[in-house]
Amino acid sequence: MVLTLYKCEISAPVRSVLMVIEHLKLPVQFVDVNFMKGEQLTEEFKKINPQHTVPTLIDDDFILGDSHAISMYLINKYAKDDSLYPTDPKLRAIVDQRLHFDSGILFPVLKYGFSQVVFQGGKKLTDEAVEKIISAYELTDQFATKTWLAGEQFTVADISCVACISTLNELIPIDAKKYPHLYAWFKRCSELDIYKKRNAPGNNALGEVYRSKVA
Protein backbone atom coordinates (compact mmCIF):
# COMPACT_ATOMS: atom_id res chain seq x y z
CA MET A 1 0.00 0.00 0.00
CA VAL A 2 1.41 3.36 -1.10
CA LEU A 3 -0.97 6.23 -0.42
CA THR A 4 -0.22 9.74 -1.63
CA LEU A 5 -2.43 12.74 -0.93
CA TYR A 6 -2.12 16.03 -2.78
CA LYS A 7 -3.25 18.73 -0.39
CA CYS A 8 -3.50 22.39 0.53
CA GLU A 9 -4.27 22.61 4.22
CA ILE A 10 -6.25 25.84 4.11
CA SER A 11 -8.82 23.83 2.13
CA ALA A 12 -11.71 22.53 4.25
CA PRO A 13 -12.23 19.44 2.04
CA VAL A 14 -8.54 18.60 2.38
CA ARG A 15 -8.73 18.92 6.14
CA SER A 16 -11.70 16.57 6.29
CA VAL A 17 -9.67 13.88 4.52
CA LEU A 18 -6.68 14.56 6.78
CA MET A 19 -8.90 13.93 9.81
CA VAL A 20 -10.15 10.66 8.33
CA ILE A 21 -6.56 9.59 7.66
CA GLU A 22 -5.61 10.49 11.22
CA HIS A 23 -8.59 8.61 12.64
CA LEU A 24 -7.73 5.51 10.61
CA LYS A 25 -4.01 5.90 11.41
CA LEU A 26 -3.00 5.38 7.80
CA PRO A 27 0.56 5.90 6.54
CA VAL A 28 0.34 8.53 3.80
CA GLN A 29 2.81 10.52 1.73
CA PHE A 30 1.77 14.15 1.41
CA VAL A 31 2.39 16.50 -1.50
CA ASP A 32 1.58 20.18 -0.93
CA VAL A 33 -0.15 22.13 -3.70
CA ASN A 34 -0.09 25.90 -3.14
CA PHE A 35 -3.41 27.23 -4.42
CA MET A 36 -2.48 30.82 -3.63
CA LYS A 37 0.35 30.47 -6.16
CA GLY A 38 -1.75 28.56 -8.70
CA GLU A 39 0.23 25.33 -8.46
CA GLN A 40 -2.97 23.35 -9.08
CA LEU A 41 -2.98 24.70 -12.64
CA THR A 42 0.33 23.18 -13.71
CA GLU A 43 0.18 20.70 -16.58
CA GLU A 44 1.78 18.08 -14.35
CA PHE A 45 -1.00 18.29 -11.77
CA LYS A 46 -3.79 18.50 -14.36
CA LYS A 47 -2.54 15.20 -15.79
CA ILE A 48 -3.18 13.67 -12.37
CA ASN A 49 -6.51 15.40 -11.81
CA PRO A 50 -8.12 17.14 -14.81
CA GLN A 51 -10.35 19.09 -12.40
CA HIS A 52 -7.14 20.41 -10.78
CA THR A 53 -8.68 20.21 -7.29
CA VAL A 54 -7.45 19.05 -3.93
CA PRO A 55 -7.60 16.73 -2.20
CA THR A 56 -6.45 14.19 -4.76
CA LEU A 57 -5.53 10.68 -3.66
CA ILE A 58 -3.26 8.16 -5.35
CA ASP A 59 -3.38 4.58 -4.06
CA ASP A 60 -0.81 2.67 -6.13
CA ASP A 61 -2.28 3.06 -9.65
CA PHE A 62 -5.71 4.28 -8.49
CA ILE A 63 -6.39 8.04 -8.63
CA LEU A 64 -9.37 9.71 -6.97
CA GLY A 65 -10.54 13.30 -6.45
CA ASP A 66 -13.29 14.81 -4.25
CA SER A 67 -13.03 14.77 -0.46
CA HIS A 68 -16.19 12.77 0.15
CA ALA A 69 -15.27 10.12 -2.41
CA ILE A 70 -11.76 9.88 -0.96
CA SER A 71 -12.97 9.63 2.63
CA MET A 72 -15.49 6.92 1.79
CA TYR A 73 -12.90 5.00 -0.22
CA LEU A 74 -10.42 5.06 2.65
CA ILE A 75 -13.07 4.04 5.18
CA ASN A 76 -14.48 1.26 3.01
CA LYS A 77 -11.04 -0.12 2.22
CA TYR A 78 -9.07 0.41 5.42
CA ALA A 79 -11.40 0.90 8.41
CA LYS A 80 -11.42 -1.93 10.93
CA ASP A 81 -15.09 -1.42 11.83
CA ASP A 82 -18.16 0.50 10.70
CA SER A 83 -18.07 3.21 13.38
CA LEU A 84 -17.33 6.05 10.96
CA TYR A 85 -19.78 4.81 8.35
CA PRO A 86 -22.45 2.57 9.96
CA THR A 87 -23.77 -0.41 8.03
CA ASP A 88 -27.25 -0.06 9.49
CA PRO A 89 -29.34 1.24 6.56
CA LYS A 90 -31.10 4.01 8.49
CA LEU A 91 -27.98 5.25 10.26
CA ARG A 92 -26.04 5.17 7.00
CA ALA A 93 -28.80 7.08 5.25
CA ILE A 94 -28.58 9.86 7.85
CA VAL A 95 -24.79 9.99 7.47
CA ASP A 96 -25.20 10.13 3.68
CA GLN A 97 -27.72 12.96 4.00
CA ARG A 98 -25.34 14.98 6.18
CA LEU A 99 -22.54 14.40 3.66
CA HIS A 100 -24.76 15.66 0.84
CA PHE A 101 -25.67 18.63 3.03
CA ASP A 102 -21.97 19.35 3.40
CA SER A 103 -21.25 19.20 -0.33
CA GLY A 104 -24.52 20.84 -1.40
CA ILE A 105 -24.88 23.58 1.21
CA LEU A 106 -21.94 24.11 3.55
CA PHE A 107 -19.04 24.03 1.09
CA PRO A 108 -20.75 26.14 -1.62
CA VAL A 109 -21.63 28.76 1.02
CA LEU A 110 -18.05 28.75 2.27
CA LYS A 111 -16.58 28.98 -1.21
CA TYR A 112 -18.95 31.80 -2.15
CA GLY A 113 -18.07 33.96 0.85
CA PHE A 114 -14.35 33.24 0.99
CA SER A 115 -13.81 33.76 -2.73
CA GLN A 116 -15.52 37.16 -2.69
CA VAL A 117 -12.93 38.52 -0.31
CA VAL A 118 -9.77 36.54 -1.05
CA PHE A 119 -9.94 36.05 -4.82
CA GLN A 120 -12.33 38.76 -6.04
CA GLY A 121 -11.01 41.71 -4.07
CA GLY A 122 -14.04 42.36 -1.88
CA LYS A 123 -13.31 44.16 1.38
CA LYS A 124 -16.09 42.44 3.28
CA LEU A 125 -18.75 39.76 2.86
CA THR A 126 -21.74 40.83 0.80
CA ASP A 127 -25.18 40.80 2.41
CA GLU A 128 -26.04 37.76 0.31
CA ALA A 129 -22.97 35.87 1.55
CA VAL A 130 -23.87 36.71 5.15
CA GLU A 131 -27.44 35.50 4.61
CA LYS A 132 -26.18 32.23 3.14
CA ILE A 133 -23.87 31.60 6.10
CA ILE A 134 -26.64 32.39 8.61
CA SER A 135 -28.96 30.00 6.78
CA ALA A 136 -26.27 27.30 6.89
CA TYR A 137 -25.88 27.84 10.65
CA GLU A 138 -29.64 27.64 11.17
CA LEU A 139 -29.90 24.35 9.29
CA THR A 140 -26.88 22.79 10.98
CA ASP A 141 -28.24 23.82 14.37
CA GLN A 142 -31.34 21.74 13.62
CA PHE A 143 -29.19 18.74 12.70
CA ALA A 144 -27.07 19.05 15.86
CA THR A 145 -29.70 18.34 18.51
CA LYS A 146 -27.99 15.10 19.52
CA THR A 147 -24.38 14.49 20.53
CA TRP A 148 -23.22 14.11 16.93
CA LEU A 149 -24.72 15.11 13.60
CA ALA A 150 -26.04 11.65 12.77
CA GLY A 151 -27.07 10.72 16.31
CA GLU A 152 -25.14 9.50 19.33
CA GLN A 153 -22.31 8.00 17.27
CA PHE A 154 -19.40 10.01 15.90
CA THR A 155 -19.18 9.47 12.13
CA VAL A 156 -17.59 10.73 8.97
CA ALA A 157 -20.49 13.19 8.76
CA ASP A 158 -19.07 15.06 11.74
CA ILE A 159 -15.60 15.08 10.22
CA SER A 160 -16.71 16.42 6.85
CA CYS A 161 -19.13 19.00 8.18
CA VAL A 162 -16.90 20.38 10.92
CA ALA A 163 -14.16 21.11 8.40
CA CYS A 164 -16.51 23.54 6.63
CA ILE A 165 -18.25 24.82 9.76
CA SER A 166 -14.93 25.65 11.41
CA THR A 167 -13.99 27.70 8.37
CA LEU A 168 -17.34 29.48 8.24
CA ASN A 169 -16.71 30.31 11.89
CA GLU A 170 -13.61 32.20 10.73
CA LEU A 171 -15.81 34.30 8.44
CA ILE A 172 -18.70 34.82 10.87
CA PRO A 173 -18.26 33.51 14.44
CA ILE A 174 -21.00 31.16 15.58
CA ASP A 175 -23.38 32.85 18.02
CA ALA A 176 -23.83 30.43 20.94
CA LYS A 177 -27.15 32.00 21.95
CA LYS A 178 -28.69 31.87 18.48
CA TYR A 179 -27.32 28.43 17.57
CA PRO A 180 -26.81 26.55 20.86
CA HIS A 181 -26.88 23.05 19.36
CA LEU A 182 -24.44 23.98 16.59
CA TYR A 183 -22.14 25.73 19.05
CA ALA A 184 -22.11 22.79 21.47
CA TRP A 185 -21.47 20.28 18.67
CA PHE A 186 -18.69 22.44 17.23
CA LYS A 187 -17.07 22.70 20.66
CA ARG A 188 -17.16 18.90 21.07
CA CYS A 189 -15.55 18.44 17.67
CA SER A 190 -12.88 21.03 18.38
CA GLU A 191 -11.80 19.08 21.47
CA LEU A 192 -11.04 15.92 19.47
CA ASP A 193 -7.40 15.04 18.86
CA ILE A 194 -7.96 14.59 15.12
CA TYR A 195 -9.41 18.10 14.96
CA LYS A 196 -6.57 19.66 16.93
CA LYS A 197 -3.92 17.92 14.86
CA ARG A 198 -5.38 17.89 11.36
CA ASN A 199 -8.01 20.64 11.16
CA ALA A 200 -7.04 23.47 13.51
CA PRO A 201 -3.67 24.41 11.96
CA GLY A 202 -4.96 24.73 8.39
CA ASN A 203 -8.15 26.41 9.53
CA ASN A 204 -6.20 28.98 11.53
CA ALA A 205 -4.02 29.65 8.49
CA LEU A 206 -7.11 30.17 6.34
CA GLY A 207 -8.51 32.58 8.91
CA GLU A 208 -5.32 34.61 8.75
CA VAL A 209 -5.49 34.77 4.95
CA TYR A 210 -9.12 35.89 5.10
CA ARG A 211 -8.54 38.55 7.75
CA SER A 212 -5.55 39.92 5.86
CA LYS A 213 -7.88 40.73 2.96
CA VAL A 214 -10.76 42.24 4.94
CA ALA A 215 -10.76 46.03 5.10
C-alpha atoms as a PDB file:
ATOM      1  CA  MET A   1       0.000   0.000   0.000  1.00  0.00           C
ATOM      2  CA  VAL A   2       1.412   3.358  -1.097  1.00  0.00           C
ATOM      3  CA  LEU A   3      -0.970   6.229  -0.417  1.00  0.00           C
ATOM      4  CA  THR A   4      -0.220   9.739  -1.634  1.00  0.00           C
ATOM      5  CA  LEU A   5      -2.429  12.745  -0.934  1.00  0.00           C
ATOM      6  CA  TYR A   6      -2.117  16.030  -2.782  1.00  0.00           C
ATOM      7  CA  LYS A   7      -3.251  18.729  -0.390  1.00  0.00           C
ATOM      8  CA  CYS A   8      -3.498  22.386   0.525  1.00  0.00           C
ATOM      9  CA  GLU A   9      -4.271  22.613   4.217  1.00  0.00           C
ATOM     10  CA  ILE A  10      -6.250  25.836   4.111  1.00  0.00           C
ATOM     11  CA  SER A  11      -8.822  23.827   2.127  1.00  0.00           C
ATOM     12  CA  ALA A  12     -11.714  22.530   4.249  1.00  0.00           C
ATOM     13  CA  PRO A  13     -12.234  19.439   2.037  1.00  0.00           C
ATOM     14  CA  VAL A  14      -8.536  18.596   2.377  1.00  0.00           C
ATOM     15  CA  ARG A  15      -8.734  18.918   6.142  1.00  0.00           C
ATOM     16  CA  SER A  16     -11.702  16.571   6.290  1.00  0.00           C
ATOM     17  CA  VAL A  17      -9.668  13.880   4.524  1.00  0.00           C
ATOM     18  CA  LEU A  18      -6.682  14.559   6.779  1.00  0.00           C
ATOM     19  CA  MET A  19      -8.897  13.932   9.805  1.00  0.00           C
ATOM     20  CA  VAL A  20     -10.145  10.662   8.327  1.00  0.00           C
ATOM     21  CA  ILE A  21      -6.560   9.590   7.658  1.00  0.00           C
ATOM     22  CA  GLU A  22      -5.606  10.493  11.217  1.00  0.00           C
ATOM     23  CA  HIS A  23      -8.590   8.608  12.640  1.00  0.00           C
ATOM     24  CA  LEU A  24      -7.732   5.507  10.612  1.00  0.00           C
ATOM     25  CA  LYS A  25      -4.012   5.899  11.411  1.00  0.00           C
ATOM     26  CA  LEU A  26      -2.999   5.377   7.803  1.00  0.00           C
ATOM     27  CA  PRO A  27       0.557   5.904   6.537  1.00  0.00           C
ATOM     28  CA  VAL A  28       0.337   8.528   3.801  1.00  0.00           C
ATOM     29  CA  GLN A  29       2.813  10.521   1.735  1.00  0.00           C
ATOM     30  CA  PHE A  30       1.767  14.151   1.408  1.00  0.00           C
ATOM     31  CA  VAL A  31       2.386  16.496  -1.498  1.00  0.00           C
ATOM     32  CA  ASP A  32       1.577  20.177  -0.933  1.00  0.00           C
ATOM     33  CA  VAL A  33      -0.147  22.134  -3.700  1.00  0.00           C
ATOM     34  CA  ASN A  34      -0.085  25.898  -3.141  1.00  0.00           C
ATOM     35  CA  PHE A  35      -3.414  27.228  -4.416  1.00  0.00           C
ATOM     36  CA  MET A  36      -2.483  30.822  -3.631  1.00  0.00           C
ATOM     37  CA  LYS A  37       0.355  30.472  -6.161  1.00  0.00           C
ATOM     38  CA  GLY A  38      -1.745  28.560  -8.697  1.00  0.00           C
ATOM     39  CA  GLU A  39       0.235  25.327  -8.464  1.00  0.00           C
ATOM     40  CA  GLN A  40      -2.970  23.350  -9.083  1.00  0.00           C
ATOM     41  CA  LEU A  41      -2.979  24.704 -12.644  1.00  0.00           C
ATOM     42  CA  THR A  42       0.331  23.177 -13.712  1.00  0.00           C
ATOM     43  CA  GLU A  43       0.179  20.701 -16.581  1.00  0.00           C
ATOM     44  CA  GLU A  44       1.784  18.082 -14.347  1.00  0.00           C
ATOM     45  CA  PHE A  45      -1.003  18.291 -11.775  1.00  0.00           C
ATOM     46  CA  LYS A  46      -3.790  18.498 -14.356  1.00  0.00           C
ATOM     47  CA  LYS A  47      -2.544  15.203 -15.790  1.00  0.00           C
ATOM     48  CA  ILE A  48      -3.177  13.667 -12.374  1.00  0.00           C
ATOM     49  CA  ASN A  49      -6.510  15.402 -11.805  1.00  0.00           C
ATOM     50  CA  PRO A  50      -8.118  17.145 -14.808  1.00  0.00           C
ATOM     51  CA  GLN A  51     -10.348  19.086 -12.399  1.00  0.00           C
ATOM     52  CA  HIS A  52      -7.144  20.410 -10.778  1.00  0.00           C
ATOM     53  CA  THR A  53      -8.676  20.209  -7.294  1.00  0.00           C
ATOM     54  CA  VAL A  54      -7.446  19.050  -3.929  1.00  0.00           C
ATOM     55  CA  PRO A  55      -7.604  16.725  -2.197  1.00  0.00           C
ATOM     56  CA  THR A  56      -6.451  14.191  -4.758  1.00  0.00           C
ATOM     57  CA  LEU A  57      -5.533  10.677  -3.656  1.00  0.00           C
ATOM     58  CA  ILE A  58      -3.264   8.159  -5.347  1.00  0.00           C
ATOM     59  CA  ASP A  59      -3.381   4.580  -4.065  1.00  0.00           C
ATOM     60  CA  ASP A  60      -0.814   2.672  -6.127  1.00  0.00           C
ATOM     61  CA  ASP A  61      -2.276   3.061  -9.645  1.00  0.00           C
ATOM     62  CA  PHE A  62      -5.707   4.284  -8.487  1.00  0.00           C
ATOM     63  CA  ILE A  63      -6.388   8.042  -8.625  1.00  0.00           C
ATOM     64  CA  LEU A  64      -9.372   9.713  -6.968  1.00  0.00           C
ATOM     65  CA  GLY A  65     -10.539  13.299  -6.453  1.00  0.00           C
ATOM     66  CA  ASP A  66     -13.291  14.814  -4.253  1.00  0.00           C
ATOM     67  CA  SER A  67     -13.029  14.770  -0.464  1.00  0.00           C
ATOM     68  CA  HIS A  68     -16.188  12.766   0.149  1.00  0.00           C
ATOM     69  CA  ALA A  69     -15.268  10.120  -2.411  1.00  0.00           C
ATOM     70  CA  ILE A  70     -11.759   9.882  -0.957  1.00  0.00           C
ATOM     71  CA  SER A  71     -12.972   9.632   2.630  1.00  0.00           C
ATOM     72  CA  MET A  72     -15.486   6.923   1.790  1.00  0.00           C
ATOM     73  CA  TYR A  73     -12.899   5.004  -0.224  1.00  0.00           C
ATOM     74  CA  LEU A  74     -10.419   5.060   2.650  1.00  0.00           C
ATOM     75  CA  ILE A  75     -13.066   4.040   5.183  1.00  0.00           C
ATOM     76  CA  ASN A  76     -14.481   1.263   3.007  1.00  0.00           C
ATOM     77  CA  LYS A  77     -11.039  -0.119   2.220  1.00  0.00           C
ATOM     78  CA  TYR A  78      -9.067   0.410   5.419  1.00  0.00           C
ATOM     79  CA  ALA A  79     -11.401   0.905   8.407  1.00  0.00           C
ATOM     80  CA  LYS A  80     -11.423  -1.930  10.930  1.00  0.00           C
ATOM     81  CA  ASP A  81     -15.094  -1.421  11.831  1.00  0.00           C
ATOM     82  CA  ASP A  82     -18.164   0.499  10.704  1.00  0.00           C
ATOM     83  CA  SER A  83     -18.073   3.207  13.381  1.00  0.00           C
ATOM     84  CA  LEU A  84     -17.329   6.054  10.961  1.00  0.00           C
ATOM     85  CA  TYR A  85     -19.782   4.806   8.353  1.00  0.00           C
ATOM     86  CA  PRO A  86     -22.451   2.574   9.961  1.00  0.00           C
ATOM     87  CA  THR A  87     -23.766  -0.413   8.027  1.00  0.00           C
ATOM     88  CA  ASP A  88     -27.254  -0.057   9.495  1.00  0.00           C
ATOM     89  CA  PRO A  89     -29.343   1.243   6.556  1.00  0.00           C
ATOM     90  CA  LYS A  90     -31.101   4.013   8.488  1.00  0.00           C
ATOM     91  CA  LEU A  91     -27.976   5.253  10.259  1.00  0.00           C
ATOM     92  CA  ARG A  92     -26.036   5.167   7.004  1.00  0.00           C
ATOM     93  CA  ALA A  93     -28.798   7.085   5.249  1.00  0.00           C
ATOM     94  CA  ILE A  94     -28.575   9.857   7.853  1.00  0.00           C
ATOM     95  CA  VAL A  95     -24.792   9.989   7.467  1.00  0.00           C
ATOM     96  CA  ASP A  96     -25.203  10.134   3.681  1.00  0.00           C
ATOM     97  CA  GLN A  97     -27.724  12.962   4.005  1.00  0.00           C
ATOM     98  CA  ARG A  98     -25.343  14.975   6.179  1.00  0.00           C
ATOM     99  CA  LEU A  99     -22.535  14.405   3.659  1.00  0.00           C
ATOM    100  CA  HIS A 100     -24.758  15.657   0.844  1.00  0.00           C
ATOM    101  CA  PHE A 101     -25.670  18.629   3.032  1.00  0.00           C
ATOM    102  CA  ASP A 102     -21.966  19.352   3.402  1.00  0.00           C
ATOM    103  CA  SER A 103     -21.251  19.205  -0.329  1.00  0.00           C
ATOM    104  CA  GLY A 104     -24.518  20.836  -1.400  1.00  0.00           C
ATOM    105  CA  ILE A 105     -24.878  23.584   1.209  1.00  0.00           C
ATOM    106  CA  LEU A 106     -21.937  24.109   3.552  1.00  0.00           C
ATOM    107  CA  PHE A 107     -19.045  24.034   1.091  1.00  0.00           C
ATOM    108  CA  PRO A 108     -20.746  26.143  -1.623  1.00  0.00           C
ATOM    109  CA  VAL A 109     -21.629  28.760   1.016  1.00  0.00           C
ATOM    110  CA  LEU A 110     -18.052  28.746   2.274  1.00  0.00           C
ATOM    111  CA  LYS A 111     -16.581  28.984  -1.210  1.00  0.00           C
ATOM    112  CA  TYR A 112     -18.951  31.804  -2.146  1.00  0.00           C
ATOM    113  CA  GLY A 113     -18.071  33.964   0.851  1.00  0.00           C
ATOM    114  CA  PHE A 114     -14.347  33.238   0.994  1.00  0.00           C
ATOM    115  CA  SER A 115     -13.813  33.758  -2.729  1.00  0.00           C
ATOM    116  CA  GLN A 116     -15.517  37.156  -2.692  1.00  0.00           C
ATOM    117  CA  VAL A 117     -12.933  38.523  -0.311  1.00  0.00           C
ATOM    118  CA  VAL A 118      -9.767  36.539  -1.049  1.00  0.00           C
ATOM    119  CA  PHE A 119      -9.943  36.049  -4.820  1.00  0.00           C
ATOM    120  CA  GLN A 120     -12.332  38.756  -6.042  1.00  0.00           C
ATOM    121  CA  GLY A 121     -11.007  41.710  -4.068  1.00  0.00           C
ATOM    122  CA  GLY A 122     -14.036  42.357  -1.877  1.00  0.00           C
ATOM    123  CA  LYS A 123     -13.311  44.164   1.379  1.00  0.00           C
ATOM    124  CA  LYS A 124     -16.095  42.437   3.277  1.00  0.00           C
ATOM    125  CA  LEU A 125     -18.750  39.755   2.863  1.00  0.00           C
ATOM    126  CA  THR A 126     -21.738  40.828   0.801  1.00  0.00           C
ATOM    127  CA  ASP A 127     -25.177  40.802   2.407  1.00  0.00           C
ATOM    128  CA  GLU A 128     -26.039  37.755   0.312  1.00  0.00           C
ATOM    129  CA  ALA A 129     -22.968  35.871   1.554  1.00  0.00           C
ATOM    130  CA  VAL A 130     -23.869  36.708   5.148  1.00  0.00           C
ATOM    131  CA  GLU A 131     -27.442  35.499   4.608  1.00  0.00           C
ATOM    132  CA  LYS A 132     -26.180  32.234   3.135  1.00  0.00           C
ATOM    133  CA  ILE A 133     -23.875  31.605   6.103  1.00  0.00           C
ATOM    134  CA  ILE A 134     -26.638  32.389   8.606  1.00  0.00           C
ATOM    135  CA  SER A 135     -28.964  29.996   6.784  1.00  0.00           C
ATOM    136  CA  ALA A 136     -26.270  27.299   6.891  1.00  0.00           C
ATOM    137  CA  TYR A 137     -25.882  27.838  10.646  1.00  0.00           C
ATOM    138  CA  GLU A 138     -29.637  27.637  11.175  1.00  0.00           C
ATOM    139  CA  LEU A 139     -29.901  24.350   9.289  1.00  0.00           C
ATOM    140  CA  THR A 140     -26.885  22.792  10.980  1.00  0.00           C
ATOM    141  CA  ASP A 141     -28.236  23.819  14.368  1.00  0.00           C
ATOM    142  CA  GLN A 142     -31.342  21.744  13.623  1.00  0.00           C
ATOM    143  CA  PHE A 143     -29.188  18.743  12.696  1.00  0.00           C
ATOM    144  CA  ALA A 144     -27.070  19.049  15.855  1.00  0.00           C
ATOM    145  CA  THR A 145     -29.701  18.342  18.509  1.00  0.00           C
ATOM    146  CA  LYS A 146     -27.989  15.104  19.519  1.00  0.00           C
ATOM    147  CA  THR A 147     -24.383  14.491  20.535  1.00  0.00           C
ATOM    148  CA  TRP A 148     -23.215  14.112  16.929  1.00  0.00           C
ATOM    149  CA  LEU A 149     -24.721  15.107  13.601  1.00  0.00           C
ATOM    150  CA  ALA A 150     -26.035  11.647  12.766  1.00  0.00           C
ATOM    151  CA  GLY A 151     -27.068  10.719  16.308  1.00  0.00           C
ATOM    152  CA  GLU A 152     -25.145   9.496  19.325  1.00  0.00           C
ATOM    153  CA  GLN A 153     -22.306   7.999  17.275  1.00  0.00           C
ATOM    154  CA  PHE A 154     -19.396  10.009  15.897  1.00  0.00           C
ATOM    155  CA  THR A 155     -19.179   9.466  12.133  1.00  0.00           C
ATOM    156  CA  VAL A 156     -17.586  10.733   8.966  1.00  0.00           C
ATOM    157  CA  ALA A 157     -20.486  13.188   8.761  1.00  0.00           C
ATOM    158  CA  ASP A 158     -19.065  15.061  11.741  1.00  0.00           C
ATOM    159  CA  ILE A 159     -15.601  15.081  10.216  1.00  0.00           C
ATOM    160  CA  SER A 160     -16.709  16.418   6.848  1.00  0.00           C
ATOM    161  CA  CYS A 161     -19.128  18.999   8.177  1.00  0.00           C
ATOM    162  CA  VAL A 162     -16.900  20.384  10.923  1.00  0.00           C
ATOM    163  CA  ALA A 163     -14.161  21.113   8.404  1.00  0.00           C
ATOM    164  CA  CYS A 164     -16.506  23.537   6.633  1.00  0.00           C
ATOM    165  CA  ILE A 165     -18.255  24.822   9.761  1.00  0.00           C
ATOM    166  CA  SER A 166     -14.931  25.648  11.407  1.00  0.00           C
ATOM    167  CA  THR A 167     -13.992  27.704   8.366  1.00  0.00           C
ATOM    168  CA  LEU A 168     -17.338  29.475   8.239  1.00  0.00           C
ATOM    169  CA  ASN A 169     -16.712  30.310  11.887  1.00  0.00           C
ATOM    170  CA  GLU A 170     -13.606  32.203  10.732  1.00  0.00           C
ATOM    171  CA  LEU A 171     -15.811  34.304   8.439  1.00  0.00           C
ATOM    172  CA  ILE A 172     -18.702  34.819  10.869  1.00  0.00           C
ATOM    173  CA  PRO A 173     -18.255  33.513  14.441  1.00  0.00           C
ATOM    174  CA  ILE A 174     -20.995  31.156  15.576  1.00  0.00           C
ATOM    175  CA  ASP A 175     -23.380  32.851  18.024  1.00  0.00           C
ATOM    176  CA  ALA A 176     -23.832  30.432  20.943  1.00  0.00           C
ATOM    177  CA  LYS A 177     -27.148  31.997  21.945  1.00  0.00           C
ATOM    178  CA  LYS A 178     -28.693  31.868  18.479  1.00  0.00           C
ATOM    179  CA  TYR A 179     -27.315  28.433  17.573  1.00  0.00           C
ATOM    180  CA  PRO A 180     -26.813  26.554  20.865  1.00  0.00           C
ATOM    181  CA  HIS A 181     -26.879  23.054  19.360  1.00  0.00           C
ATOM    182  CA  LEU A 182     -24.445  23.984  16.595  1.00  0.00           C
ATOM    183  CA  TYR A 183     -22.141  25.733  19.055  1.00  0.00           C
ATOM    184  CA  ALA A 184     -22.107  22.785  21.469  1.00  0.00           C
ATOM    185  CA  TRP A 185     -21.465  20.280  18.668  1.00  0.00           C
ATOM    186  CA  PHE A 186     -18.685  22.444  17.231  1.00  0.00           C
ATOM    187  CA  LYS A 187     -17.070  22.698  20.662  1.00  0.00           C
ATOM    188  CA  ARG A 188     -17.163  18.900  21.065  1.00  0.00           C
ATOM    189  CA  CYS A 189     -15.553  18.440  17.667  1.00  0.00           C
ATOM    190  CA  SER A 190     -12.876  21.030  18.384  1.00  0.00           C
ATOM    191  CA  GLU A 191     -11.796  19.084  21.466  1.00  0.00           C
ATOM    192  CA  LEU A 192     -11.040  15.924  19.472  1.00  0.00           C
ATOM    193  CA  ASP A 193      -7.396  15.039  18.859  1.00  0.00           C
ATOM    194  CA  ILE A 194      -7.956  14.592  15.119  1.00  0.00           C
ATOM    195  CA  TYR A 195      -9.411  18.098  14.959  1.00  0.00           C
ATOM    196  CA  LYS A 196      -6.571  19.660  16.934  1.00  0.00           C
ATOM    197  CA  LYS A 197      -3.925  17.918  14.857  1.00  0.00           C
ATOM    198  CA  ARG A 198      -5.383  17.894  11.359  1.00  0.00           C
ATOM    199  CA  ASN A 199      -8.005  20.644  11.162  1.00  0.00           C
ATOM    200  CA  ALA A 200      -7.042  23.467  13.505  1.00  0.00           C
ATOM    201  CA  PRO A 201      -3.668  24.412  11.956  1.00  0.00           C
ATOM    202  CA  GLY A 202      -4.956  24.732   8.389  1.00  0.00           C
ATOM    203  CA  ASN A 203      -8.150  26.412   9.531  1.00  0.00           C
ATOM    204  CA  ASN A 204      -6.198  28.980  11.526  1.00  0.00           C
ATOM    205  CA  ALA A 205      -4.019  29.648   8.491  1.00  0.00           C
ATOM    206  CA  LEU A 206      -7.112  30.175   6.336  1.00  0.00           C
ATOM    207  CA  GLY A 207      -8.508  32.582   8.905  1.00  0.00           C
ATOM    208  CA  GLU A 208      -5.317  34.612   8.746  1.00  0.00           C
ATOM    209  CA  VAL A 209      -5.488  34.770   4.952  1.00  0.00           C
ATOM    210  CA  TYR A 210      -9.116  35.889   5.096  1.00  0.00           C
ATOM    211  CA  ARG A 211      -8.538  38.551   7.753  1.00  0.00           C
ATOM    212  CA  SER A 212      -5.547  39.916   5.859  1.00  0.00           C
ATOM    213  CA  LYS A 213      -7.884  40.727   2.957  1.00  0.00           C
ATOM    214  CA  VAL A 214     -10.761  42.240   4.936  1.00  0.00           C
ATOM    215  CA  ALA A 215     -10.763  46.028   5.104  1.00  0.00           C
END
